[in-house]
Amino acid sequence: MNHKRFAFVIEDLYGGGAQKSLIYTADQLRQRGHAVIVFTLRELVEHRVPEELEVVNLGVVTRFTKATSTALTEKWQARRIAQALKEWCPDVTISCSCDKITRHLNQPNLYFWIKSDVSAKFSDEVKREKAFAKVRRFYRGRQVIAVSHGVKENLEQVVGLQAGHIIPIYNPYEREPFVEMAAEEATALPEHDFFLCVAALEPRKRHDRLLKAYKASGVRTPLLIMGKGKPENEAAIRRQIDELGLQDKVQMVGYHHNPYPWIARAKAMILTSDAEGLPRVLIEALLLHTPVISVDCPSGPKEILTQELADFLLSRDDTEGLAAAIRRMDEAPVVIEPRHYQQFLKETVLPQFEAL
């Protein structure tokens, strides 16, 4: 295998799924003998970063640049990034979550890593078309990595993107680190059974759908909601919990730097989003042999819940079906085996990045 030089560019390492998957991918490529560097555009780190992984903050996103965000500002920021890339001489450059700036780069072998499905994010037609036009403008003729086959199909068939090339590559995983993190001590971890939803507290994650289905299920097993978001979003969820009379059965447990002890102990993970890219939380649950229940939102869940797990993949609008799935899982949790997550393991995925 020829070793390569990989450069990843991302705005920051905020505590989100895209940032987490980038850190894992970069470090796993490093462990396979490649030279790897992560360039951030501002100083914000909420994830655990392996000591051996080189992270360099370029400092080109500031209060001033955010306040004066124009094409001229973006091009100035892009020139600073281009200089850093020129000095490091990567064979492959991967941009993630900062494409408004990196679209101005003419770096050879530059890929834009798209982690979510923009086609399902907007119900308002005007906002939807505006978002589609932005995607077409950013990525027309460029090389794109789509996080799932569903994201690739929607970019081409729904958004109408005419990219130079779109390659679907799953996020790579290894099971052992998750098992180790799940074994760490966690304060306030319940000893009793519970269902768990780990999702940002934002409308797209549809906690309202989750709470209605959980209420309809009639199960006695408590539901824990883990995540952070804007105060008004958290207040809306708490208000619905009260309105449904679920104060004694649903608990909001906030954001946890290490959620894996909770995920490993959960009876099942539940996801009820309107849109995803390739939801990490479902894959991570399977890696810890925790069953999952999910709505069939675009995109990703149907690529994760395969084989007999597909029985727990429900239509987004099927509240009773989701409630029934919660009841079935409560009575007889599914046993997760390695065959359920083999396609996401690093041994399967990393060679696809190495082939870029």
Protein backbone atom coordinates (compact mmCIF):
# COMPACT_ATOMS: atom_id res chain seq x y z
CA MET A 1 0.00 0.00 0.00
CA ASN A 2 1.32 3.44 -0.95
CA HIS A 3 1.20 5.81 1.99
CA LYS A 4 -0.39 9.20 1.32
CA ARG A 5 -0.58 12.64 2.87
CA PHE A 6 -4.13 13.53 3.96
CA ALA A 7 -5.27 17.02 4.99
CA PHE A 8 -8.68 17.55 6.58
CA VAL A 9 -10.16 21.05 6.82
CA ILE A 10 -13.03 21.78 9.20
CA GLU A 11 -14.31 24.93 10.92
CA ASP A 12 -13.90 23.55 14.46
CA LEU A 13 -14.18 20.42 16.58
CA TYR A 14 -17.51 21.30 18.19
CA GLY A 15 -19.29 18.38 19.86
CA GLY A 16 -21.20 17.19 16.78
CA GLY A 17 -21.32 14.01 14.73
CA ALA A 18 -19.52 15.39 11.67
CA GLN A 19 -16.61 16.54 13.81
CA LYS A 20 -16.45 13.23 15.63
CA SER A 21 -16.39 11.15 12.45
CA LEU A 22 -13.68 13.37 10.97
CA ILE A 23 -11.45 12.87 14.02
CA TYR A 24 -11.94 9.09 13.86
CA THR A 25 -11.32 8.90 10.13
CA ALA A 26 -8.21 11.07 10.30
CA ASP A 27 -6.74 9.16 13.22
CA GLN A 28 -7.48 5.75 11.73
CA LEU A 29 -5.73 6.76 8.51
CA ARG A 30 -2.80 7.92 10.64
CA GLN A 31 -2.69 4.56 12.38
CA ARG A 32 -2.47 2.86 8.98
CA GLY A 33 0.76 4.71 8.27
CA HIS A 34 -0.46 7.77 6.36
CA ALA A 35 0.65 11.31 7.17
CA VAL A 36 -2.42 13.17 8.43
CA ILE A 37 -3.13 16.71 9.57
CA VAL A 38 -6.38 18.40 10.61
CA PHE A 39 -6.69 22.13 9.94
CA THR A 40 -9.37 23.92 11.98
CA LEU A 41 -10.46 27.46 11.20
CA ARG A 42 -11.10 28.52 14.79
CA GLU A 43 -10.22 27.35 18.30
CA LEU A 44 -13.12 25.22 19.58
CA VAL A 45 -12.50 21.64 20.68
CA GLU A 46 -15.20 19.65 22.50
CA HIS A 47 -14.22 16.14 21.40
CA ARG A 48 -11.46 13.90 22.62
CA VAL A 49 -8.60 14.25 20.16
CA PRO A 50 -5.89 11.54 20.13
CA GLU A 51 -2.56 13.01 21.23
CA GLU A 52 -0.80 11.64 18.14
CA LEU A 53 -3.21 13.34 15.72
CA GLU A 54 -1.86 16.71 14.58
CA VAL A 55 -4.44 19.51 14.75
CA VAL A 56 -3.50 23.02 13.61
CA ASN A 57 -5.79 26.01 14.18
CA LEU A 58 -5.47 28.50 11.32
CA GLY A 59 -7.54 31.10 13.16
CA VAL A 60 -9.26 32.48 10.06
CA VAL A 61 -12.78 32.40 11.54
CA THR A 62 -13.18 35.17 14.10
CA ARG A 63 -15.90 37.45 15.43
CA PHE A 64 -14.82 39.98 12.83
CA THR A 65 -15.03 37.57 9.85
CA LYS A 66 -18.42 36.33 11.02
CA ALA A 67 -19.69 39.89 11.32
CA THR A 68 -18.36 40.83 7.88
CA SER A 69 -19.04 37.60 6.03
CA THR A 70 -18.82 38.39 2.33
CA ALA A 71 -17.34 36.66 -0.71
CA LEU A 72 -14.24 38.86 -0.31
CA THR A 73 -13.85 37.72 3.31
CA GLU A 74 -14.30 34.09 2.27
CA LYS A 75 -11.66 34.42 -0.45
CA TRP A 76 -9.21 35.95 2.02
CA GLN A 77 -9.84 33.04 4.40
CA ALA A 78 -9.42 30.58 1.54
CA ARG A 79 -6.06 32.10 0.61
CA ARG A 80 -4.84 31.53 4.18
CA ILE A 81 -5.97 27.91 4.00
CA ALA A 82 -4.39 27.48 0.57
CA GLN A 83 -1.06 28.70 1.93
CA ALA A 84 -1.15 26.17 4.77
CA LEU A 85 -2.02 23.40 2.32
CA LYS A 86 0.76 24.46 -0.04
CA GLU A 87 3.28 24.20 2.80
CA TRP A 88 2.01 20.77 3.86
CA CYS A 89 1.64 19.33 0.30
CA PRO A 90 -1.21 16.82 0.80
CA ASP A 91 -2.06 14.14 -1.76
CA VAL A 92 -5.72 14.34 -0.72
CA THR A 93 -7.58 17.27 0.89
CA ILE A 94 -11.01 16.72 2.44
CA SER A 95 -13.21 19.67 3.41
CA CYS A 96 -16.00 19.21 5.96
CA SER A 97 -18.52 21.69 7.36
CA CYS A 98 -16.68 24.77 6.09
CA ASP A 99 -17.41 24.62 2.35
CA LYS A 100 -18.66 28.21 2.19
CA ILE A 101 -14.97 29.10 2.50
CA THR A 102 -13.19 26.11 0.94
CA ARG A 103 -15.29 26.29 -2.24
CA HIS A 104 -12.91 29.10 -3.24
CA LEU A 105 -9.94 26.69 -3.16
CA ASN A 106 -8.46 25.25 -6.33
CA GLN A 107 -6.47 22.64 -4.44
CA PRO A 108 -5.74 19.51 -6.51
CA ASN A 109 -7.55 16.35 -5.38
CA LEU A 110 -9.90 18.33 -3.13
CA TYR A 111 -13.03 16.54 -1.92
CA PHE A 112 -16.07 18.02 -0.20
CA TRP A 113 -17.40 15.64 2.47
CA ILE A 114 -21.21 16.02 2.65
CA LYS A 115 -22.61 14.57 5.86
CA SER A 116 -26.32 15.38 5.71
CA ASP A 117 -29.26 15.23 3.34
CA VAL A 118 -30.22 18.78 2.40
CA SER A 119 -33.20 17.50 0.37
CA ALA A 120 -35.18 16.73 3.54
CA LYS A 121 -34.23 19.69 5.73
CA PHE A 122 -36.77 22.23 4.51
CA SER A 123 -40.57 22.06 4.25
CA ASP A 124 -40.86 25.62 2.93
CA GLU A 125 -40.48 25.48 -0.86
CA VAL A 126 -38.72 28.85 -1.13
CA LYS A 127 -36.13 27.96 1.53
CA ARG A 128 -35.76 24.49 0.02
CA GLU A 129 -34.98 25.78 -3.47
CA LYS A 130 -32.62 28.40 -2.04
CA ALA A 131 -30.74 25.62 -0.24
CA PHE A 132 -30.65 23.48 -3.40
CA ALA A 133 -29.30 26.40 -5.43
CA LYS A 134 -26.57 26.89 -2.83
CA VAL A 135 -25.55 23.22 -3.07
CA ARG A 136 -25.47 23.37 -6.86
CA ARG A 137 -23.40 26.56 -6.72
CA PHE A 138 -20.90 25.19 -4.20
CA TYR A 139 -20.33 21.74 -5.68
CA ARG A 140 -21.01 21.93 -9.42
CA GLY A 141 -18.12 20.20 -11.16
CA ARG A 142 -16.39 19.38 -7.85
CA GLN A 143 -15.47 16.06 -6.24
CA VAL A 144 -17.84 15.05 -3.46
CA ILE A 145 -17.81 12.34 -0.81
CA ALA A 146 -21.38 11.46 0.24
CA VAL A 147 -21.74 9.87 3.66
CA SER A 148 -24.29 7.36 2.39
CA HIS A 149 -25.78 6.03 -0.82
CA GLY A 150 -29.01 7.84 0.09
CA VAL A 151 -27.23 11.20 0.29
CA LYS A 152 -25.61 10.56 -3.11
CA GLU A 153 -28.93 9.66 -4.73
CA ASN A 154 -30.70 12.71 -3.30
CA LEU A 155 -27.92 15.07 -4.35
CA GLU A 156 -28.20 13.81 -7.91
CA GLN A 157 -31.93 13.10 -8.26
CA VAL A 158 -33.60 15.60 -5.91
CA VAL A 159 -31.18 18.52 -5.63
CA GLY A 160 -30.05 18.19 -9.24
CA LEU A 161 -26.34 18.54 -8.47
CA GLN A 162 -24.06 18.02 -11.44
CA ALA A 163 -20.86 17.30 -9.58
CA GLY A 164 -17.64 16.21 -11.17
CA HIS A 165 -17.84 12.98 -9.18
CA ILE A 166 -19.85 11.80 -6.14
CA ILE A 167 -18.44 8.88 -4.18
CA PRO A 168 -20.49 7.27 -1.38
CA ILE A 169 -18.25 6.29 1.54
CA TYR A 170 -19.54 5.41 4.99
CA ASN A 171 -17.89 6.80 8.11
CA PRO A 172 -15.37 4.20 9.34
CA TYR A 173 -15.63 2.66 12.80
CA GLU A 174 -13.75 0.33 15.08
CA ARG A 175 -15.64 -1.31 17.90
CA GLU A 176 -12.98 -1.51 20.62
CA PRO A 177 -12.72 2.22 21.52
CA PHE A 178 -16.47 2.43 22.00
CA VAL A 179 -16.43 -0.63 24.25
CA GLU A 180 -13.61 0.95 26.30
CA MET A 181 -15.45 4.27 26.63
CA ALA A 182 -18.66 2.46 27.55
CA ALA A 183 -16.80 0.79 30.43
CA GLU A 184 -15.82 4.14 31.98
CA GLU A 185 -17.57 5.29 35.13
CA ALA A 186 -20.60 7.50 34.55
CA THR A 187 -22.32 9.46 37.27
CA ALA A 188 -26.10 9.27 37.54
CA LEU A 189 -26.27 6.29 35.16
CA PRO A 190 -29.54 4.47 35.99
CA GLU A 191 -29.36 0.87 37.12
CA HIS A 192 -32.85 0.13 35.75
CA ASP A 193 -33.79 -0.43 32.09
CA PHE A 194 -34.38 2.63 29.90
CA PHE A 195 -34.88 3.67 26.30
CA LEU A 196 -32.50 6.36 25.06
CA CYS A 197 -32.60 9.13 22.46
CA VAL A 198 -29.29 10.89 21.80
CA ALA A 199 -29.87 13.87 19.51
CA ALA A 200 -29.31 17.61 19.38
CA LEU A 201 -32.27 19.53 20.80
CA GLU A 202 -33.41 20.99 17.51
CA PRO A 203 -36.66 20.76 15.52
CA ARG A 204 -35.19 18.48 12.80
CA LYS A 205 -34.63 15.74 15.39
CA ARG A 206 -38.41 15.65 16.05
CA HIS A 207 -38.52 14.97 19.77
CA ASP A 208 -42.24 15.75 19.48
CA ARG A 209 -42.63 12.64 17.29
CA LEU A 210 -40.62 10.59 19.78
CA LEU A 211 -42.70 11.70 22.76
CA LYS A 212 -46.05 11.04 21.03
CA ALA A 213 -44.99 7.53 20.00
CA TYR A 214 -43.53 6.78 23.43
CA LYS A 215 -46.77 7.94 25.07
CA ALA A 216 -48.81 5.78 22.67
CA SER A 217 -46.63 2.73 23.34
CA GLY A 218 -47.78 2.54 26.95
CA VAL A 219 -44.51 0.93 28.06
CA ARG A 220 -43.35 1.30 31.64
CA THR A 221 -39.64 1.45 30.77
CA PRO A 222 -38.48 5.09 31.18
CA LEU A 223 -37.21 7.21 28.29
CA LEU A 224 -34.06 9.32 28.63
CA ILE A 225 -33.35 12.22 26.25
CA MET A 226 -29.67 13.17 25.91
CA GLY A 227 -28.42 16.20 24.00
CA LYS A 228 -28.03 19.95 24.00
CA GLY A 229 -29.54 22.79 22.02
CA LYS A 230 -30.97 26.27 22.18
CA PRO A 231 -32.85 27.07 25.43
CA GLU A 232 -36.10 27.64 23.53
CA ASN A 233 -35.87 24.16 21.96
CA GLU A 234 -35.24 22.53 25.31
CA ALA A 235 -38.16 24.45 26.80
CA ALA A 236 -40.48 23.25 24.02
CA ILE A 237 -39.54 19.61 24.71
CA ARG A 238 -40.06 20.01 28.45
CA ARG A 239 -43.42 21.65 27.77
CA GLN A 240 -44.55 18.69 25.66
CA ILE A 241 -43.41 16.25 28.32
CA ASP A 242 -45.67 18.06 30.79
CA GLU A 243 -48.59 18.27 28.34
CA LEU A 244 -48.42 14.50 27.72
CA GLY A 245 -48.22 13.74 31.43
CA LEU A 246 -44.84 12.04 31.07
CA GLN A 247 -43.01 13.83 33.88
CA ASP A 248 -42.47 10.58 35.81
CA LYS A 249 -41.36 8.54 32.78
CA VAL A 250 -39.24 10.87 30.62
CA GLN A 251 -36.01 12.45 31.85
CA MET A 252 -33.81 14.99 30.06
CA VAL A 253 -30.22 14.24 31.03
CA GLY A 254 -28.36 16.97 29.13
CA TYR A 255 -25.18 16.62 27.08
CA HIS A 256 -22.53 14.07 28.09
CA HIS A 257 -18.96 14.19 26.82
CA ASN A 258 -18.95 10.40 26.99
CA PRO A 259 -22.44 9.06 26.21
CA TYR A 260 -21.32 5.47 25.64
CA PRO A 261 -21.95 4.06 29.14
CA TRP A 262 -25.54 5.23 28.66
CA ILE A 263 -25.80 3.85 25.12
CA ALA A 264 -24.40 0.47 26.19
CA ARG A 265 -26.86 0.21 29.08
CA ALA A 266 -29.93 1.28 27.10
CA LYS A 267 -32.60 -1.24 26.25
CA ALA A 268 -32.73 0.39 22.81
CA MET A 269 -31.76 3.59 21.03
CA ILE A 270 -34.58 5.53 19.34
CA LEU A 271 -34.17 8.02 16.46
CA THR A 272 -37.11 10.03 15.09
CA SER A 273 -35.47 12.70 12.90
CA ASP A 274 -36.93 14.28 9.78
CA ALA A 275 -33.54 14.07 8.06
CA GLU A 276 -30.09 12.64 8.64
CA GLY A 277 -27.01 11.86 6.56
CA LEU A 278 -25.76 8.65 8.10
CA PRO A 279 -26.76 8.81 11.78
CA ARG A 280 -23.69 7.91 13.84
CA VAL A 281 -25.70 7.27 16.96
CA LEU A 282 -27.45 4.27 15.39
CA ILE A 283 -24.18 2.71 14.24
CA GLU A 284 -22.51 3.38 17.59
CA ALA A 285 -25.43 1.72 19.36
CA LEU A 286 -25.05 -1.39 17.20
CA LEU A 287 -21.29 -1.44 17.87
CA LEU A 288 -22.18 -1.64 21.58
CA HIS A 289 -24.78 -4.33 20.78
CA THR A 290 -27.65 -2.04 21.73
CA PRO A 291 -30.73 -2.48 19.51
CA VAL A 292 -32.15 0.48 17.61
CA ILE A 293 -35.54 1.78 16.54
CA SER A 294 -35.67 4.45 13.85
CA VAL A 295 -37.92 6.25 11.45
CA ASP A 296 -37.07 5.80 7.78
CA CYS A 297 -35.95 9.37 7.21
CA PRO A 298 -33.73 10.40 4.35
CA SER A 299 -31.10 9.21 4.49
CA GLY A 300 -29.10 6.51 6.19
CA PRO A 301 -31.33 4.57 8.61
CA LYS A 302 -32.43 2.04 5.98
CA GLU A 303 -28.75 1.42 5.18
CA ILE A 304 -28.09 0.75 8.89
CA LEU A 305 -31.18 -1.24 9.91
CA THR A 306 -30.70 -4.17 7.55
CA GLN A 307 -31.56 -7.86 7.76
CA GLU A 308 -34.03 -8.53 10.59
CA LEU A 309 -33.37 -5.07 12.06
CA ALA A 310 -35.51 -3.65 9.23
CA ASP A 311 -38.56 -4.69 11.29
CA PHE A 312 -37.77 -1.70 13.52
CA LEU A 313 -37.58 0.84 10.69
CA LEU A 314 -40.85 2.78 10.52
CA SER A 315 -42.35 5.44 8.29
CA ARG A 316 -41.86 8.96 9.66
CA ASP A 317 -45.64 9.49 9.84
CA ASP A 318 -46.48 6.11 11.38
CA THR A 319 -46.86 7.05 15.04
CA GLU A 320 -48.71 3.85 15.91
CA GLY A 321 -46.13 1.74 14.08
CA LEU A 322 -43.36 3.46 16.02
CA ALA A 323 -45.27 2.92 19.26
CA ALA A 324 -45.74 -0.77 18.40
CA ALA A 325 -42.01 -1.11 17.67
CA ILE A 326 -41.21 0.36 21.09
CA ARG A 327 -43.59 -2.16 22.68
CA ARG A 328 -42.04 -5.08 20.75
CA MET A 329 -38.55 -4.02 21.72
CA ASP A 330 -39.59 -3.58 25.33
CA GLU A 331 -40.95 -7.12 25.46
CA ALA A 332 -38.18 -8.85 23.48
CA PRO A 333 -35.05 -6.79 22.67
CA VAL A 334 -33.24 -7.83 19.49
CA VAL A 335 -29.82 -9.47 19.87
CA ILE A 336 -27.19 -7.53 17.90
CA GLU A 337 -24.38 -9.47 16.18
CA PRO A 338 -21.24 -8.37 14.24
CA ARG A 339 -22.95 -9.08 10.92
CA HIS A 340 -25.28 -6.16 11.63
CA TYR A 341 -22.45 -3.57 11.49
CA GLN A 342 -19.70 -5.20 9.39
CA GLN A 343 -20.16 -2.75 6.49
CA PHE A 344 -19.20 0.19 8.73
CA LEU A 345 -16.00 -1.23 10.23
CA LYS A 346 -12.73 0.47 9.36
CA GLU A 347 -11.41 -2.62 7.61
CA THR A 348 -14.24 -2.23 5.09
CA VAL A 349 -14.28 1.57 4.79
CA LEU A 350 -10.73 2.94 5.06
CA PRO A 351 -9.49 1.36 1.80
CA GLN A 352 -12.09 3.52 0.03
CA PHE A 353 -10.52 6.69 1.45
CA GLU A 354 -7.06 5.39 0.56
CA ALA A 355 -8.20 4.98 -3.04
CA LEU A 356 -9.06 8.69 -3.42
